Amino acid sequence: MLLNQFLILSAVLFAIGVYGVLARRNGVLVLMSIELILNAVNINLVAFGSYVSSISGEVFALFVITVAAAEVGVGLAILLLLYRNRRSVDLSEADLMKG
């Protein structure tokens, strides 16, 4: 496959993820959109690493996957606290939790 095909796929995933982050109010959907953005970055890293015949793209992709897993853990913990206090995962109510 050509590099252009991977870059187009990555751009489409990134655009869908950005739209999801900007347009959604539900916290779970926002976390899923962030995961789409990170997966688009991973596709770019692996595609460019394969294009230049280097393993560094795959290594960086593994680091991004690790950061994404930590982000999901922290994000879900915050959403659980938001749901426990407000009975909703609507992110517009998150600013009401200021200490």
PDB file of N, CA and C in Angstrom:
ATOM      1  N   MET A   1       0.842  -1.186   0.000  1.00  0.00           N
ATOM      2  CA  MET A   1       0.000   0.000   0.000  1.00  0.00           C
ATOM      3  C   MET A   1       0.885   1.246   0.000  1.00  0.00           C
ATOM      4  N   LEU A   2       0.333   2.315  -0.479  1.00  0.00           N
ATOM      5  CA  LEU A   2       1.077   3.560  -0.563  1.00  0.00           C
ATOM      6  C   LEU A   2       1.000   4.337   0.737  1.00  0.00           C
ATOM      7  N   LEU A   3       1.981   5.190   0.942  1.00  0.00           N
ATOM      8  CA  LEU A   3       2.007   6.031   2.133  1.00  0.00           C
ATOM      9  C   LEU A   3       0.809   6.976   2.152  1.00  0.00           C
ATOM     10  N   ASN A   4       0.395   7.445   0.984  1.00  0.00           N
ATOM     11  CA  ASN A   4      -0.731   8.374   0.912  1.00  0.00           C
ATOM     12  C   ASN A   4      -2.011   7.778   1.476  1.00  0.00           C
ATOM     13  N   GLN A   5      -2.228   6.512   1.261  1.00  0.00           N
ATOM     14  CA  GLN A   5      -3.439   5.869   1.764  1.00  0.00           C
ATOM     15  C   GLN A   5      -3.463   5.845   3.286  1.00  0.00           C
ATOM     16  N   PHE A   6      -2.325   5.575   3.901  1.00  0.00           N
ATOM     17  CA  PHE A   6      -2.264   5.601   5.365  1.00  0.00           C
ATOM     18  C   PHE A   6      -2.459   7.014   5.899  1.00  0.00           C
ATOM     19  N   LEU A   7      -1.899   7.996   5.223  1.00  0.00           N
ATOM     20  CA  LEU A   7      -2.034   9.377   5.676  1.00  0.00           C
ATOM     21  C   LEU A   7      -3.463   9.879   5.531  1.00  0.00           C
ATOM     22  N   ILE A   8      -4.153   9.456   4.479  1.00  0.00           N
ATOM     23  CA  ILE A   8      -5.556   9.844   4.325  1.00  0.00           C
ATOM     24  C   ILE A   8      -6.409   9.203   5.415  1.00  0.00           C
ATOM     25  N   LEU A   9      -6.181   7.925   5.685  1.00  0.00           N
ATOM     26  CA  LEU A   9      -6.902   7.246   6.767  1.00  0.00           C
ATOM     27  C   LEU A   9      -6.641   7.936   8.099  1.00  0.00           C
ATOM     28  N   SER A  10      -5.399   8.279   8.349  1.00  0.00           N
ATOM     29  CA  SER A  10      -5.050   8.945   9.592  1.00  0.00           C
ATOM     30  C   SER A  10      -5.704  10.320   9.694  1.00  0.00           C
ATOM     31  N   ALA A  11      -5.731  11.060   8.604  1.00  0.00           N
ATOM     32  CA  ALA A  11      -6.355  12.383   8.608  1.00  0.00           C
ATOM     33  C   ALA A  11      -7.857  12.287   8.868  1.00  0.00           C
ATOM     34  N   VAL A  12      -8.507  11.276   8.296  1.00  0.00           N
ATOM     35  CA  VAL A  12      -9.944  11.096   8.517  1.00  0.00           C
ATOM     36  C   VAL A  12     -10.215  10.740   9.983  1.00  0.00           C
ATOM     37  N   LEU A  13      -9.433   9.818  10.533  1.00  0.00           N
ATOM     38  CA  LEU A  13      -9.603   9.462  11.949  1.00  0.00           C
ATOM     39  C   LEU A  13      -9.346  10.660  12.858  1.00  0.00           C
ATOM     40  N   PHE A  14      -8.314  11.439  12.536  1.00  0.00           N
ATOM     41  CA  PHE A  14      -7.998  12.613  13.346  1.00  0.00           C
ATOM     42  C   PHE A  14      -9.128  13.634  13.282  1.00  0.00           C
ATOM     43  N   ALA A  15      -9.684  13.852  12.101  1.00  0.00           N
ATOM     44  CA  ALA A  15     -10.778  14.811  11.965  1.00  0.00           C
ATOM     45  C   ALA A  15     -12.024  14.356  12.716  1.00  0.00           C
ATOM     46  N   ILE A  16     -12.337  13.070  12.656  1.00  0.00           N
ATOM     47  CA  ILE A  16     -13.485  12.544  13.407  1.00  0.00           C
ATOM     48  C   ILE A  16     -13.248  12.706  14.908  1.00  0.00           C
ATOM     49  N   GLY A  17     -12.025  12.452  15.357  1.00  0.00           N
ATOM     50  CA  GLY A  17     -11.710  12.610  16.767  1.00  0.00           C
ATOM     51  C   GLY A  17     -11.803  14.049  17.232  1.00  0.00           C
ATOM     52  N   VAL A  18     -11.313  14.987  16.437  1.00  0.00           N
ATOM     53  CA  VAL A  18     -11.398  16.404  16.811  1.00  0.00           C
ATOM     54  C   VAL A  18     -12.847  16.859  16.847  1.00  0.00           C
ATOM     55  N   TYR A  19     -13.635  16.417  15.877  1.00  0.00           N
ATOM     56  CA  TYR A  19     -15.058  16.748  15.900  1.00  0.00           C
ATOM     57  C   TYR A  19     -15.725  16.196  17.161  1.00  0.00           C
ATOM     58  N   GLY A  20     -15.380  14.969  17.529  1.00  0.00           N
ATOM     59  CA  GLY A  20     -15.967  14.372  18.727  1.00  0.00           C
ATOM     60  C   GLY A  20     -15.590  15.105  19.998  1.00  0.00           C
ATOM     61  N   VAL A  21     -14.357  15.580  20.073  1.00  0.00           N
ATOM     62  CA  VAL A  21     -13.933  16.313  21.267  1.00  0.00           C
ATOM     63  C   VAL A  21     -14.638  17.667  21.347  1.00  0.00           C
ATOM     64  N   LEU A  22     -14.774  18.334  20.219  1.00  0.00           N
ATOM     65  CA  LEU A  22     -15.350  19.678  20.225  1.00  0.00           C
ATOM     66  C   LEU A  22     -16.873  19.693  20.300  1.00  0.00           C
ATOM     67  N   ALA A  23     -17.533  18.685  19.756  1.00  0.00           N
ATOM     68  CA  ALA A  23     -18.985  18.729  19.643  1.00  0.00           C
ATOM     69  C   ALA A  23     -19.721  17.964  20.746  1.00  0.00           C
ATOM     70  N   ARG A  24     -19.083  17.038  21.389  1.00  0.00           N
ATOM     71  CA  ARG A  24     -19.778  16.180  22.358  1.00  0.00           C
ATOM     72  C   ARG A  24     -19.709  16.761  23.764  1.00  0.00           C
ATOM     73  N   ARG A  25     -20.731  16.453  24.533  1.00  0.00           N
ATOM     74  CA  ARG A  25     -20.777  16.842  25.944  1.00  0.00           C
ATOM     75  C   ARG A  25     -20.597  15.645  26.875  1.00  0.00           C
ATOM     76  N   ASN A  26     -20.831  14.454  26.350  1.00  0.00           N
ATOM     77  CA  ASN A  26     -20.713  13.244  27.154  1.00  0.00           C
ATOM     78  C   ASN A  26     -19.234  12.917  27.362  1.00  0.00           C
ATOM     79  N   GLY A  27     -18.842  12.692  28.602  1.00  0.00           N
ATOM     80  CA  GLY A  27     -17.446  12.455  28.919  1.00  0.00           C
ATOM     81  C   GLY A  27     -16.878  11.191  28.313  1.00  0.00           C
ATOM     82  N   VAL A  28     -17.678  10.142  28.244  1.00  0.00           N
ATOM     83  CA  VAL A  28     -17.197   8.884  27.675  1.00  0.00           C
ATOM     84  C   VAL A  28     -16.935   9.048  26.179  1.00  0.00           C
ATOM     85  N   LEU A  29     -17.802   9.761  25.489  1.00  0.00           N
ATOM     86  CA  LEU A  29     -17.605   9.987  24.058  1.00  0.00           C
ATOM     87  C   LEU A  29     -16.389  10.874  23.800  1.00  0.00           C
ATOM     88  N   VAL A  30     -16.130  11.810  24.683  1.00  0.00           N
ATOM     89  CA  VAL A  30     -14.936  12.647  24.541  1.00  0.00           C
ATOM     90  C   VAL A  30     -13.680  11.801  24.718  1.00  0.00           C
ATOM     91  N   LEU A  31     -13.685  10.889  25.680  1.00  0.00           N
ATOM     92  CA  LEU A  31     -12.529   9.998  25.865  1.00  0.00           C
ATOM     93  C   LEU A  31     -12.340   9.093  24.652  1.00  0.00           C
ATOM     94  N   MET A  32     -13.430   8.615  24.073  1.00  0.00           N
ATOM     95  CA  MET A  32     -13.316   7.789  22.866  1.00  0.00           C
ATOM     96  C   MET A  32     -12.767   8.604  21.698  1.00  0.00           C
ATOM     97  N   SER A  33     -13.140   9.869  21.612  1.00  0.00           N
ATOM     98  CA  SER A  33     -12.627  10.719  20.548  1.00  0.00           C
ATOM     99  C   SER A  33     -11.137  10.992  20.719  1.00  0.00           C
ATOM    100  N   ILE A  34     -10.695  11.150  21.945  1.00  0.00           N
ATOM    101  CA  ILE A  34      -9.264  11.327  22.204  1.00  0.00           C
ATOM    102  C   ILE A  34      -8.503  10.072  21.811  1.00  0.00           C
ATOM    103  N   GLU A  35      -9.095   8.924  22.055  1.00  0.00           N
ATOM    104  CA  GLU A  35      -8.462   7.671  21.628  1.00  0.00           C
ATOM    105  C   GLU A  35      -8.362   7.592  20.103  1.00  0.00           C
ATOM    106  N   LEU A  36      -9.370   8.073  19.398  1.00  0.00           N
ATOM    107  CA  LEU A  36      -9.304   8.112  17.935  1.00  0.00           C
ATOM    108  C   LEU A  36      -8.155   9.003  17.467  1.00  0.00           C
ATOM    109  N   ILE A  37      -7.979  10.135  18.125  1.00  0.00           N
ATOM    110  CA  ILE A  37      -6.882  11.040  17.772  1.00  0.00           C
ATOM    111  C   ILE A  37      -5.536  10.351  18.003  1.00  0.00           C
ATOM    112  N   LEU A  38      -5.398   9.677  19.118  1.00  0.00           N
ATOM    113  CA  LEU A  38      -4.130   8.999  19.411  1.00  0.00           C
ATOM    114  C   LEU A  38      -3.884   7.834  18.459  1.00  0.00           C
ATOM    115  N   ASN A  39      -4.936   7.147  18.044  1.00  0.00           N
ATOM    116  CA  ASN A  39      -4.764   6.075  17.058  1.00  0.00           C
ATOM    117  C   ASN A  39      -4.381   6.625  15.693  1.00  0.00           C
ATOM    118  N   ALA A  40      -4.869   7.806  15.343  1.00  0.00           N
ATOM    119  CA  ALA A  40      -4.453   8.441  14.094  1.00  0.00           C
ATOM    120  C   ALA A  40      -2.972   8.785  14.142  1.00  0.00           C
ATOM    121  N   VAL A  41      -2.512   9.243  15.280  1.00  0.00           N
ATOM    122  CA  VAL A  41      -1.083   9.522  15.448  1.00  0.00           C
ATOM    123  C   VAL A  41      -0.272   8.240  15.330  1.00  0.00           C
ATOM    124  N   ASN A  42      -0.775   7.165  15.907  1.00  0.00           N
ATOM    125  CA  ASN A  42      -0.062   5.880  15.808  1.00  0.00           C
ATOM    126  C   ASN A  42       0.043   5.406  14.361  1.00  0.00           C
ATOM    127  N   ILE A  43      -1.021   5.582  13.599  1.00  0.00           N
ATOM    128  CA  ILE A  43      -0.964   5.190  12.188  1.00  0.00           C
ATOM    129  C   ILE A  43       0.096   5.997  11.460  1.00  0.00           C
ATOM    130  N   ASN A  44       0.150   7.300  11.738  1.00  0.00           N
ATOM    131  CA  ASN A  44       1.186   8.132  11.125  1.00  0.00           C
ATOM    132  C   ASN A  44       2.583   7.673  11.508  1.00  0.00           C
ATOM    133  N   LEU A  45       2.791   7.396  12.779  1.00  0.00           N
ATOM    134  CA  LEU A  45       4.115   6.977  13.238  1.00  0.00           C
ATOM    135  C   LEU A  45       4.561   5.681  12.574  1.00  0.00           C
ATOM    136  N   VAL A  46       3.680   4.713  12.531  1.00  0.00           N
ATOM    137  CA  VAL A  46       4.031   3.431  11.929  1.00  0.00           C
ATOM    138  C   VAL A  46       4.217   3.566  10.421  1.00  0.00           C
ATOM    139  N   ALA A  47       3.367   4.362   9.770  1.00  0.00           N
ATOM    140  CA  ALA A  47       3.484   4.531   8.317  1.00  0.00           C
ATOM    141  C   ALA A  47       4.793   5.207   7.942  1.00  0.00           C
ATOM    142  N   PHE A  48       5.143   6.273   8.649  1.00  0.00           N
ATOM    143  CA  PHE A  48       6.397   6.951   8.334  1.00  0.00           C
ATOM    144  C   PHE A  48       7.608   6.105   8.721  1.00  0.00           C
ATOM    145  N   GLY A  49       7.502   5.345   9.809  1.00  0.00           N
ATOM    146  CA  GLY A  49       8.584   4.440  10.166  1.00  0.00           C
ATOM    147  C   GLY A  49       8.793   3.368   9.127  1.00  0.00           C
ATOM    148  N   SER A  50       7.713   2.860   8.593  1.00  0.00           N
ATOM    149  CA  SER A  50       7.817   1.862   7.534  1.00  0.00           C
ATOM    150  C   SER A  50       8.343   2.481   6.247  1.00  0.00           C
ATOM    151  N   TYR A  51       7.970   3.725   5.981  1.00  0.00           N
ATOM    152  CA  TYR A  51       8.402   4.400   4.765  1.00  0.00           C
ATOM    153  C   TYR A  51       9.911   4.618   4.736  1.00  0.00           C
ATOM    154  N   VAL A  52      10.496   4.941   5.885  1.00  0.00           N
ATOM    155  CA  VAL A  52      11.948   5.178   5.947  1.00  0.00           C
ATOM    156  C   VAL A  52      12.700   3.935   6.412  1.00  0.00           C
ATOM    157  N   SER A  53      12.014   2.812   6.527  1.00  0.00           N
ATOM    158  CA  SER A  53      12.609   1.530   6.948  1.00  0.00           C
ATOM    159  C   SER A  53      13.322   1.645   8.294  1.00  0.00           C
ATOM    160  N   SER A  54      12.608   2.210   9.267  1.00  0.00           N
ATOM    161  CA  SER A  54      13.151   2.366  10.613  1.00  0.00           C
ATOM    162  C   SER A  54      12.144   1.819  11.614  1.00  0.00           C
ATOM    163  N   ILE A  55      12.663   1.336  12.723  1.00  0.00           N
ATOM    164  CA  ILE A  55      11.788   0.790  13.762  1.00  0.00           C
ATOM    165  C   ILE A  55      11.367   1.864  14.764  1.00  0.00           C
ATOM    166  N   SER A  56      11.885   3.060  14.615  1.00  0.00           N
ATOM    167  CA  SER A  56      11.580   4.113  15.583  1.00  0.00           C
ATOM    168  C   SER A  56      10.096   4.493  15.586  1.00  0.00           C
ATOM    169  N   GLY A  57       9.408   4.382  14.453  1.00  0.00           N
ATOM    170  CA  GLY A  57       7.977   4.678  14.423  1.00  0.00           C
ATOM    171  C   GLY A  57       7.172   3.742  15.291  1.00  0.00           C
ATOM    172  N   GLU A  58       7.521   2.450  15.246  1.00  0.00           N
ATOM    173  CA  GLU A  58       6.822   1.479  16.080  1.00  0.00           C
ATOM    174  C   GLU A  58       7.127   1.680  17.558  1.00  0.00           C
ATOM    175  N   VAL A  59       8.357   2.071  17.868  1.00  0.00           N
ATOM    176  CA  VAL A  59       8.738   2.309  19.262  1.00  0.00           C
ATOM    177  C   VAL A  59       7.960   3.494  19.818  1.00  0.00           C
ATOM    178  N   PHE A  60       7.880   4.576  19.053  1.00  0.00           N
ATOM    179  CA  PHE A  60       7.106   5.727  19.504  1.00  0.00           C
ATOM    180  C   PHE A  60       5.621   5.392  19.600  1.00  0.00           C
ATOM    181  N   ALA A  61       5.125   4.556  18.717  1.00  0.00           N
ATOM    182  CA  ALA A  61       3.723   4.145  18.781  1.00  0.00           C
ATOM    183  C   ALA A  61       3.440   3.382  20.073  1.00  0.00           C
ATOM    184  N   LEU A  62       4.384   2.549  20.508  1.00  0.00           N
ATOM    185  CA  LEU A  62       4.206   1.843  21.784  1.00  0.00           C
ATOM    186  C   LEU A  62       4.155   2.821  22.956  1.00  0.00           C
ATOM    187  N   PHE A  63       4.972   3.878  22.908  1.00  0.00           N
ATOM    188  CA  PHE A  63       4.908   4.890  23.959  1.00  0.00           C
ATOM    189  C   PHE A  63       3.571   5.618  23.948  1.00  0.00           C
ATOM    190  N   VAL A  64       3.046   5.904  22.767  1.00  0.00           N
ATOM    191  CA  VAL A  64       1.752   6.577  22.663  1.00  0.00           C
ATOM    192  C   VAL A  64       0.648   5.672  23.197  1.00  0.00           C
ATOM    193  N   ILE A  65       0.724   4.386  22.921  1.00  0.00           N
ATOM    194  CA  ILE A  65      -0.269   3.438  23.445  1.00  0.00           C
ATOM    195  C   ILE A  65      -0.220   3.398  24.974  1.00  0.00           C
ATOM    196  N   THR A  66       0.980   3.457  25.533  1.00  0.00           N
ATOM    197  CA  THR A  66       1.136   3.471  26.990  1.00  0.00           C
ATOM    198  C   THR A  66       0.526   4.726  27.593  1.00  0.00           C
ATOM    199  N   VAL A  67       0.790   5.866  26.996  1.00  0.00           N
ATOM    200  CA  VAL A  67       0.212   7.125  27.483  1.00  0.00           C
ATOM    201  C   VAL A  67      -1.302   7.110  27.336  1.00  0.00           C
ATOM    202  N   ALA A  68      -1.803   6.528  26.255  1.00  0.00           N
ATOM    203  CA  ALA A  68      -3.248   6.445  26.053  1.00  0.00           C
ATOM    204  C   ALA A  68      -3.909   5.582  27.119  1.00  0.00           C
ATOM    205  N   ALA A  69      -3.264   4.502  27.498  1.00  0.00           N
ATOM    206  CA  ALA A  69      -3.822   3.640  28.552  1.00  0.00           C
ATOM    207  C   ALA A  69      -3.875   4.382  29.883  1.00  0.00           C
ATOM    208  N   ALA A  70      -2.839   5.135  30.192  1.00  0.00           N
ATOM    209  CA  ALA A  70      -2.844   5.918  31.432  1.00  0.00           C
ATOM    210  C   ALA A  70      -3.905   7.018  31.374  1.00  0.00           C
ATOM    211  N   GLU A  71      -4.061   7.620  30.211  1.00  0.00           N
ATOM    212  CA  GLU A  71      -5.059   8.673  30.049  1.00  0.00           C
ATOM    213  C   GLU A  71      -6.468   8.129  30.245  1.00  0.00           C
ATOM    214  N   VAL A  72      -6.730   6.939  29.739  1.00  0.00           N
ATOM    215  CA  VAL A  72      -8.054   6.335  29.910  1.00  0.00           C
ATOM    216  C   VAL A  72      -8.311   6.028  31.374  1.00  0.00           C
ATOM    217  N   GLY A  73      -7.314   5.530  32.060  1.00  0.00           N
ATOM    218  CA  GLY A  73      -7.491   5.226  33.486  1.00  0.00           C
ATOM    219  C   GLY A  73      -7.810   6.458  34.302  1.00  0.00           C
ATOM    220  N   VAL A  74      -7.057   7.517  34.102  1.00  0.00           N
ATOM    221  CA  VAL A  74      -7.293   8.763  34.843  1.00  0.00           C
ATOM    222  C   VAL A  74      -8.614   9.398  34.412  1.00  0.00           C
ATOM    223  N   GLY A  75      -8.883   9.393  33.108  1.00  0.00           N
ATOM    224  CA  GLY A  75     -10.126   9.989  32.617  1.00  0.00           C
ATOM    225  C   GLY A  75     -11.360   9.280  33.129  1.00  0.00           C
ATOM    226  N   LEU A  76     -11.335   7.961  33.146  1.00  0.00           N
ATOM    227  CA  LEU A  76     -12.487   7.229  33.675  1.00  0.00           C
ATOM    228  C   LEU A  76     -12.660   7.431  35.172  1.00  0.00           C
ATOM    229  N   ALA A  77     -11.558   7.572  35.897  1.00  0.00           N
ATOM    230  CA  ALA A  77     -11.665   7.859  37.333  1.00  0.00           C
ATOM    231  C   ALA A  77     -12.318   9.220  37.561  1.00  0.00           C
ATOM    232  N   ILE A  78     -11.944  10.203  36.767  1.00  0.00           N
ATOM    233  CA  ILE A  78     -12.558  11.527  36.889  1.00  0.00           C
ATOM    234  C   ILE A  78     -14.033  11.474  36.514  1.00  0.00           C
ATOM    235  N   LEU A  79     -14.368  10.731  35.466  1.00  0.00           N
ATOM    236  CA  LEU A  79     -15.771  10.616  35.074  1.00  0.00           C
ATOM    237  C   LEU A  79     -16.594   9.885  36.124  1.00  0.00           C
ATOM    238  N   LEU A  80     -16.019   8.884  36.769  1.00  0.00           N
ATOM    239  CA  LEU A  80     -16.736   8.197  37.846  1.00  0.00           C
ATOM    240  C   LEU A  80     -17.008   9.125  39.019  1.00  0.00           C
ATOM    241  N   LEU A  81     -16.039   9.969  39.358  1.00  0.00           N
ATOM    242  CA  LEU A  81     -16.274  10.943  40.431  1.00  0.00           C
ATOM    243  C   LEU A  81     -17.326  11.966  40.026  1.00  0.00           C
ATOM    244  N   LEU A  82     -17.298  12.385  38.773  1.00  0.00           N
ATOM    245  CA  LEU A  82     -18.309  13.317  38.285  1.00  0.00           C
ATOM    246  C   LEU A  82     -19.690  12.680  38.344  1.00  0.00           C
ATOM    247  N   TYR A  83     -19.801  11.428  37.932  1.00  0.00           N
ATOM    248  CA  TYR A  83     -21.095  10.742  37.980  1.00  0.00           C
ATOM    249  C   TYR A  83     -21.549  10.526  39.422  1.00  0.00           C
ATOM    250  N   ARG A  84     -20.620  10.211  40.292  1.00  0.00           N
ATOM    251  CA  ARG A  84     -20.974   9.965  41.683  1.00  0.00           C
ATOM    252  C   ARG A  84     -21.509  11.235  42.352  1.00  0.00           C
ATOM    253  N   ASN A  85     -20.962  12.388  41.984  1.00  0.00           N
ATOM    254  CA  ASN A  85     -21.379  13.641  42.616  1.00  0.00           C
ATOM    255  C   ASN A  85     -22.575  14.297  41.922  1.00  0.00           C
ATOM    256  N   ARG A  86     -22.678  14.175  40.604  1.00  0.00           N
ATOM    257  CA  ARG A  86     -23.709  14.892  39.853  1.00  0.00           C
ATOM    258  C   ARG A  86     -24.744  13.991  39.192  1.00  0.00           C
ATOM    259  N   ARG A  87     -24.569  12.675  39.204  1.00  0.00           N
ATOM    260  CA  ARG A  87     -25.457  11.704  38.556  1.00  0.00           C
ATOM    261  C   ARG A  87     -25.558  11.937  37.048  1.00  0.00           C
ATOM    262  N   SER A  88     -24.495  12.471  36.474  1.00  0.00           N
ATOM    263  CA  SER A  88     -24.442  12.705  35.037  1.00  0.00           C
ATOM    264  C   SER A  88     -22.980  12.777  34.619  1.00  0.00           C
ATOM    265  N   VAL A  89     -22.691  12.362  33.382  1.00  0.00           N
ATOM    266  CA  VAL A  89     -21.327  12.486  32.864  1.00  0.00           C
ATOM    267  C   VAL A  89     -21.251  13.628  31.854  1.00  0.00           C
ATOM    268  N   ASP A  90     -22.193  14.571  31.945  1.00  0.00           N
ATOM    269  CA  ASP A  90     -22.198  15.750  31.086  1.00  0.00           C
ATOM    270  C   ASP A  90     -21.048  16.650  31.506  1.00  0.00           C
ATOM    271  N   LEU A  91     -20.179  16.983  30.562  1.00  0.00           N
ATOM    272  CA  LEU A  91     -18.994  17.753  30.893  1.00  0.00           C
ATOM    273  C   LEU A  91     -19.278  19.221  31.153  1.00  0.00           C
ATOM    274  N   SER A  92     -20.465  19.707  30.797  1.00  0.00           N
ATOM    275  CA  SER A  92     -20.802  21.081  31.114  1.00  0.00           C
ATOM    276  C   SER A  92     -21.042  21.279  32.604  1.00  0.00           C
ATOM    277  N   GLU A  93     -21.284  20.182  33.334  1.00  0.00           N
ATOM    278  CA  GLU A  93     -21.466  20.268  34.784  1.00  0.00           C
ATOM    279  C   GLU A  93     -20.164  20.076  35.543  1.00  0.00           C
ATOM    280  N   ALA A  94     -19.068  19.836  34.857  1.00  0.00           N
ATOM    281  CA  ALA A  94     -17.800  19.571  35.531  1.00  0.00           C
ATOM    282  C   ALA A  94     -17.263  20.819  36.216  1.00  0.00           C
ATOM    283  N   ASP A  95     -17.567  21.997  35.694  1.00  0.00           N
ATOM    284  CA  ASP A  95     -17.051  23.214  36.312  1.00  0.00           C
ATOM    285  C   ASP A  95     -17.745  23.523  37.647  1.00  0.00           C
ATOM    286  N   LEU A  96     -18.851  22.850  37.922  1.00  0.00           N
ATOM    287  CA  LEU A  96     -19.539  23.043  39.208  1.00  0.00           C
ATOM    288  C   LEU A  96     -18.815  22.338  40.355  1.00  0.00           C
ATOM    289  N   MET A  97     -17.823  21.505  40.043  1.00  0.00           N
ATOM    290  CA  MET A  97     -17.126  20.750  41.072  1.00  0.00           C
ATOM    291  C   MET A  97     -15.882  21.460  41.598  1.00  0.00           C
ATOM    292  N   LYS A  98     -15.737  22.735  41.296  1.00  0.00           N
ATOM    293  CA  LYS A  98     -14.585  23.466  41.779  1.00  0.00           C
ATOM    294  C   LYS A  98     -14.576  23.480  43.300  1.00  0.00           C
ATOM    295  N   GLY A  99     -13.380  23.327  43.859  1.00  0.00           N
ATOM    296  CA  GLY A  99     -13.248  23.214  45.297  1.00  0.00           C
ATOM    297  C   GLY A  99     -13.212  24.517  45.936  1.00  0.00           C
TER     298      GLY A  99
END
